[in-house]
Amino acid sequence: MTAITINIPNREVSFFKKMIEKMGWTYTVAGEEGTVAKKSRLYDPETGEYLNEKTMKAIEEAHDDMKQGRLKSYDSVDAMFQDLGI
């Protein structure tokens, strides 16, 4: 991951936050009270809503499981059946 620091006029901050969240990126805001990190949420274009905290946690756990080899991914149903011996 690469970090980029930019200075944005205060009147434009909310616009850039929304754009960054829609891209699924994370951002950090440096302010008078220190630095606050905000994790972006995934956007569902079909419903026009952001995924709730429970769904985000499930997605993060699935990513972690896949990285640890506890969850497998298959290119096709046939490949899955073959791996399962069905």
N, C-alpha and C. Protein backbone atom coordinates (compact mmCIF):
# COMPACT_ATOMS: atom_id res chain seq x y z
N MET A 1 0.84 -1.16 0.00
CA MET A 1 0.00 0.00 0.00
C MET A 1 0.89 1.24 0.00
N THR A 2 0.46 2.28 -0.68
CA THR A 2 1.19 3.52 -0.76
C THR A 2 0.41 4.62 -0.06
N ALA A 3 1.09 5.46 0.68
CA ALA A 3 0.46 6.59 1.35
C ALA A 3 0.81 7.87 0.60
N ILE A 4 -0.18 8.72 0.42
CA ILE A 4 0.01 10.01 -0.22
C ILE A 4 -0.54 11.08 0.71
N THR A 5 0.21 12.13 0.92
CA THR A 5 -0.24 13.23 1.76
C THR A 5 -0.62 14.40 0.87
N ILE A 6 -1.84 14.91 1.05
CA ILE A 6 -2.27 16.08 0.30
C ILE A 6 -2.90 17.08 1.26
N ASN A 7 -2.83 18.33 0.92
CA ASN A 7 -3.46 19.39 1.70
C ASN A 7 -4.70 19.83 0.95
N ILE A 8 -5.84 19.81 1.63
CA ILE A 8 -7.12 20.14 1.02
C ILE A 8 -7.71 21.32 1.78
N PRO A 9 -8.25 22.31 1.06
CA PRO A 9 -8.91 23.41 1.76
C PRO A 9 -10.07 22.86 2.61
N ASN A 10 -10.26 23.43 3.80
CA ASN A 10 -11.28 22.95 4.73
C ASN A 10 -12.65 22.83 4.07
N ARG A 11 -12.99 23.74 3.17
CA ARG A 11 -14.32 23.71 2.55
C ARG A 11 -14.50 22.52 1.62
N GLU A 12 -13.41 21.84 1.24
CA GLU A 12 -13.48 20.72 0.30
C GLU A 12 -13.31 19.36 0.97
N VAL A 13 -13.03 19.32 2.27
CA VAL A 13 -12.71 18.06 2.96
C VAL A 13 -13.84 17.04 2.83
N SER A 14 -15.08 17.44 3.08
CA SER A 14 -16.18 16.47 3.05
C SER A 14 -16.36 15.88 1.66
N PHE A 15 -16.15 16.68 0.62
CA PHE A 15 -16.24 16.18 -0.76
C PHE A 15 -15.21 15.08 -1.01
N PHE A 16 -13.95 15.35 -0.60
CA PHE A 16 -12.90 14.37 -0.83
C PHE A 16 -13.10 13.11 0.02
N LYS A 17 -13.60 13.25 1.24
CA LYS A 17 -13.88 12.08 2.07
C LYS A 17 -14.88 11.17 1.38
N LYS A 18 -15.95 11.76 0.83
CA LYS A 18 -16.97 10.96 0.15
C LYS A 18 -16.40 10.25 -1.07
N MET A 19 -15.58 10.95 -1.84
CA MET A 19 -14.98 10.34 -3.03
C MET A 19 -14.05 9.18 -2.65
N ILE A 20 -13.25 9.39 -1.61
CA ILE A 20 -12.32 8.35 -1.17
C ILE A 20 -13.09 7.12 -0.68
N GLU A 21 -14.17 7.32 0.07
CA GLU A 21 -14.97 6.21 0.57
C GLU A 21 -15.62 5.45 -0.59
N LYS A 22 -16.10 6.15 -1.61
CA LYS A 22 -16.72 5.49 -2.75
C LYS A 22 -15.73 4.61 -3.51
N MET A 23 -14.45 4.96 -3.46
CA MET A 23 -13.43 4.16 -4.11
C MET A 23 -13.00 2.98 -3.24
N GLY A 24 -13.50 2.93 -1.99
CA GLY A 24 -13.14 1.82 -1.11
C GLY A 24 -11.77 1.99 -0.48
N TRP A 25 -11.23 3.18 -0.49
CA TRP A 25 -9.92 3.45 0.08
C TRP A 25 -10.08 3.89 1.53
N THR A 26 -8.97 3.97 2.23
CA THR A 26 -8.97 4.50 3.59
C THR A 26 -8.28 5.85 3.59
N TYR A 27 -8.58 6.65 4.60
CA TYR A 27 -7.92 7.94 4.70
C TYR A 27 -7.63 8.26 6.15
N THR A 28 -6.70 9.16 6.35
CA THR A 28 -6.34 9.64 7.68
C THR A 28 -6.44 11.16 7.66
N VAL A 29 -7.06 11.72 8.69
CA VAL A 29 -7.21 13.16 8.78
C VAL A 29 -6.35 13.65 9.94
N ALA A 30 -5.43 14.56 9.65
CA ALA A 30 -4.59 15.15 10.69
C ALA A 30 -5.27 16.44 11.14
N GLY A 31 -5.50 16.56 12.42
CA GLY A 31 -6.16 17.75 12.94
C GLY A 31 -5.52 18.25 14.21
N GLU A 32 -6.17 19.18 14.83
CA GLU A 32 -5.64 19.78 16.05
C GLU A 32 -5.53 18.77 17.18
N GLU A 33 -6.42 17.78 17.22
CA GLU A 33 -6.43 16.81 18.32
C GLU A 33 -5.66 15.55 17.95
N GLY A 34 -4.78 15.63 16.98
CA GLY A 34 -4.00 14.47 16.58
C GLY A 34 -4.51 13.91 15.25
N THR A 35 -4.15 12.70 14.98
CA THR A 35 -4.52 12.07 13.72
C THR A 35 -5.59 11.03 13.96
N VAL A 36 -6.62 11.06 13.14
CA VAL A 36 -7.72 10.11 13.26
C VAL A 36 -7.81 9.30 11.98
N ALA A 37 -7.74 7.99 12.09
CA ALA A 37 -7.86 7.12 10.92
C ALA A 37 -9.31 6.67 10.79
N LYS A 38 -9.81 6.66 9.56
CA LYS A 38 -11.17 6.21 9.31
C LYS A 38 -11.12 5.12 8.26
N LYS A 39 -11.76 4.04 8.54
CA LYS A 39 -11.80 2.93 7.62
C LYS A 39 -12.99 3.11 6.69
N SER A 40 -12.74 3.00 5.40
CA SER A 40 -13.83 3.19 4.46
C SER A 40 -14.74 1.97 4.44
N ARG A 41 -15.95 2.16 3.98
CA ARG A 41 -16.92 1.08 3.91
C ARG A 41 -17.21 0.79 2.45
N LEU A 42 -17.56 -0.45 2.16
CA LEU A 42 -17.88 -0.83 0.79
C LEU A 42 -19.25 -0.30 0.41
N TYR A 43 -19.37 0.12 -0.83
CA TYR A 43 -20.59 0.70 -1.37
C TYR A 43 -21.26 -0.31 -2.29
N ASP A 44 -22.57 -0.49 -2.15
CA ASP A 44 -23.34 -1.39 -3.02
C ASP A 44 -24.10 -0.54 -4.03
N PRO A 45 -23.65 -0.49 -5.29
CA PRO A 45 -24.31 0.36 -6.27
C PRO A 45 -25.74 -0.09 -6.59
N GLU A 46 -26.07 -1.35 -6.35
CA GLU A 46 -27.42 -1.83 -6.63
C GLU A 46 -28.44 -1.24 -5.65
N THR A 47 -28.06 -1.11 -4.39
CA THR A 47 -28.98 -0.58 -3.39
C THR A 47 -28.73 0.89 -3.10
N GLY A 48 -27.55 1.38 -3.48
CA GLY A 48 -27.20 2.76 -3.18
C GLY A 48 -26.83 2.98 -1.74
N GLU A 49 -26.47 1.90 -1.02
CA GLU A 49 -26.14 2.00 0.39
C GLU A 49 -24.75 1.44 0.66
N TYR A 50 -24.20 1.83 1.80
CA TYR A 50 -22.94 1.26 2.25
C TYR A 50 -23.25 0.03 3.09
N LEU A 51 -22.35 -0.95 3.05
CA LEU A 51 -22.56 -2.17 3.82
C LEU A 51 -22.46 -1.87 5.31
N ASN A 52 -23.29 -2.57 6.10
CA ASN A 52 -23.29 -2.34 7.54
C ASN A 52 -22.07 -2.98 8.21
N GLU A 53 -21.89 -2.68 9.48
CA GLU A 53 -20.70 -3.13 10.21
C GLU A 53 -20.61 -4.66 10.28
N LYS A 54 -21.74 -5.33 10.45
CA LYS A 54 -21.75 -6.79 10.54
C LYS A 54 -21.28 -7.42 9.22
N THR A 55 -21.74 -6.89 8.11
CA THR A 55 -21.33 -7.39 6.79
C THR A 55 -19.86 -7.11 6.55
N MET A 56 -19.40 -5.91 6.91
CA MET A 56 -17.99 -5.57 6.73
C MET A 56 -17.10 -6.51 7.54
N LYS A 57 -17.52 -6.84 8.76
CA LYS A 57 -16.73 -7.74 9.60
C LYS A 57 -16.67 -9.13 8.96
N ALA A 58 -17.78 -9.61 8.42
CA ALA A 58 -17.81 -10.93 7.77
C ALA A 58 -16.88 -10.96 6.56
N ILE A 59 -16.86 -9.89 5.78
CA ILE A 59 -15.98 -9.81 4.62
C ILE A 59 -14.52 -9.82 5.06
N GLU A 60 -14.20 -9.03 6.08
CA GLU A 60 -12.82 -8.99 6.58
C GLU A 60 -12.39 -10.35 7.12
N GLU A 61 -13.28 -11.05 7.83
CA GLU A 61 -12.96 -12.38 8.34
C GLU A 61 -12.73 -13.36 7.20
N ALA A 62 -13.54 -13.27 6.15
CA ALA A 62 -13.35 -14.16 5.00
C ALA A 62 -12.01 -13.90 4.32
N HIS A 63 -11.62 -12.63 4.20
CA HIS A 63 -10.31 -12.30 3.63
C HIS A 63 -9.19 -12.87 4.49
N ASP A 64 -9.32 -12.73 5.80
CA ASP A 64 -8.31 -13.28 6.71
C ASP A 64 -8.24 -14.80 6.59
N ASP A 65 -9.42 -15.45 6.53
CA ASP A 65 -9.45 -16.91 6.40
C ASP A 65 -8.79 -17.35 5.10
N MET A 66 -9.01 -16.60 4.03
CA MET A 66 -8.41 -16.96 2.74
C MET A 66 -6.90 -16.81 2.81
N LYS A 67 -6.42 -15.75 3.44
CA LYS A 67 -4.97 -15.53 3.58
C LYS A 67 -4.33 -16.64 4.41
N GLN A 68 -5.05 -17.14 5.41
CA GLN A 68 -4.52 -18.18 6.29
C GLN A 68 -4.71 -19.58 5.72
N GLY A 69 -5.35 -19.69 4.55
CA GLY A 69 -5.57 -20.99 3.92
C GLY A 69 -6.74 -21.76 4.49
N ARG A 70 -7.59 -21.10 5.28
CA ARG A 70 -8.76 -21.76 5.85
C ARG A 70 -9.97 -21.68 4.94
N LEU A 71 -9.86 -20.92 3.88
CA LEU A 71 -10.97 -20.75 2.94
C LEU A 71 -10.40 -20.89 1.54
N LYS A 72 -11.05 -21.69 0.72
CA LYS A 72 -10.57 -21.93 -0.63
C LYS A 72 -11.43 -21.20 -1.65
N SER A 73 -10.81 -20.92 -2.78
CA SER A 73 -11.49 -20.30 -3.90
C SER A 73 -11.33 -21.20 -5.12
N TYR A 74 -12.38 -21.34 -5.88
CA TYR A 74 -12.35 -22.20 -7.05
C TYR A 74 -12.74 -21.41 -8.29
N ASP A 75 -12.18 -21.82 -9.44
CA ASP A 75 -12.50 -21.17 -10.71
C ASP A 75 -13.84 -21.63 -11.25
N SER A 76 -14.28 -22.81 -10.82
CA SER A 76 -15.55 -23.33 -11.31
C SER A 76 -16.13 -24.31 -10.29
N VAL A 77 -17.40 -24.61 -10.46
CA VAL A 77 -18.06 -25.60 -9.61
C VAL A 77 -17.41 -26.97 -9.81
N ASP A 78 -17.07 -27.28 -11.06
CA ASP A 78 -16.43 -28.57 -11.35
C ASP A 78 -15.11 -28.72 -10.59
N ALA A 79 -14.32 -27.64 -10.53
CA ALA A 79 -13.05 -27.67 -9.81
C ALA A 79 -13.30 -27.90 -8.32
N MET A 80 -14.34 -27.27 -7.79
CA MET A 80 -14.67 -27.45 -6.38
C MET A 80 -15.07 -28.90 -6.11
N PHE A 81 -15.97 -29.44 -6.94
CA PHE A 81 -16.40 -30.82 -6.77
C PHE A 81 -15.23 -31.79 -6.87
N GLN A 82 -14.33 -31.54 -7.81
CA GLN A 82 -13.17 -32.42 -7.96
C GLN A 82 -12.29 -32.37 -6.70
N ASP A 83 -12.08 -31.17 -6.15
CA ASP A 83 -11.27 -31.03 -4.94
C ASP A 83 -11.93 -31.73 -3.75
N LEU A 84 -13.27 -31.69 -3.70
CA LEU A 84 -14.00 -32.33 -2.61
C LEU A 84 -14.21 -33.81 -2.82
N GLY A 85 -13.83 -34.32 -3.99
CA GLY A 85 -13.97 -35.74 -4.28
C GLY A 85 -15.40 -36.13 -4.63
N ILE A 86 -16.15 -35.21 -5.15
CA ILE A 86 -17.55 -35.48 -5.51
C ILE A 86 -17.66 -35.74 -6.99
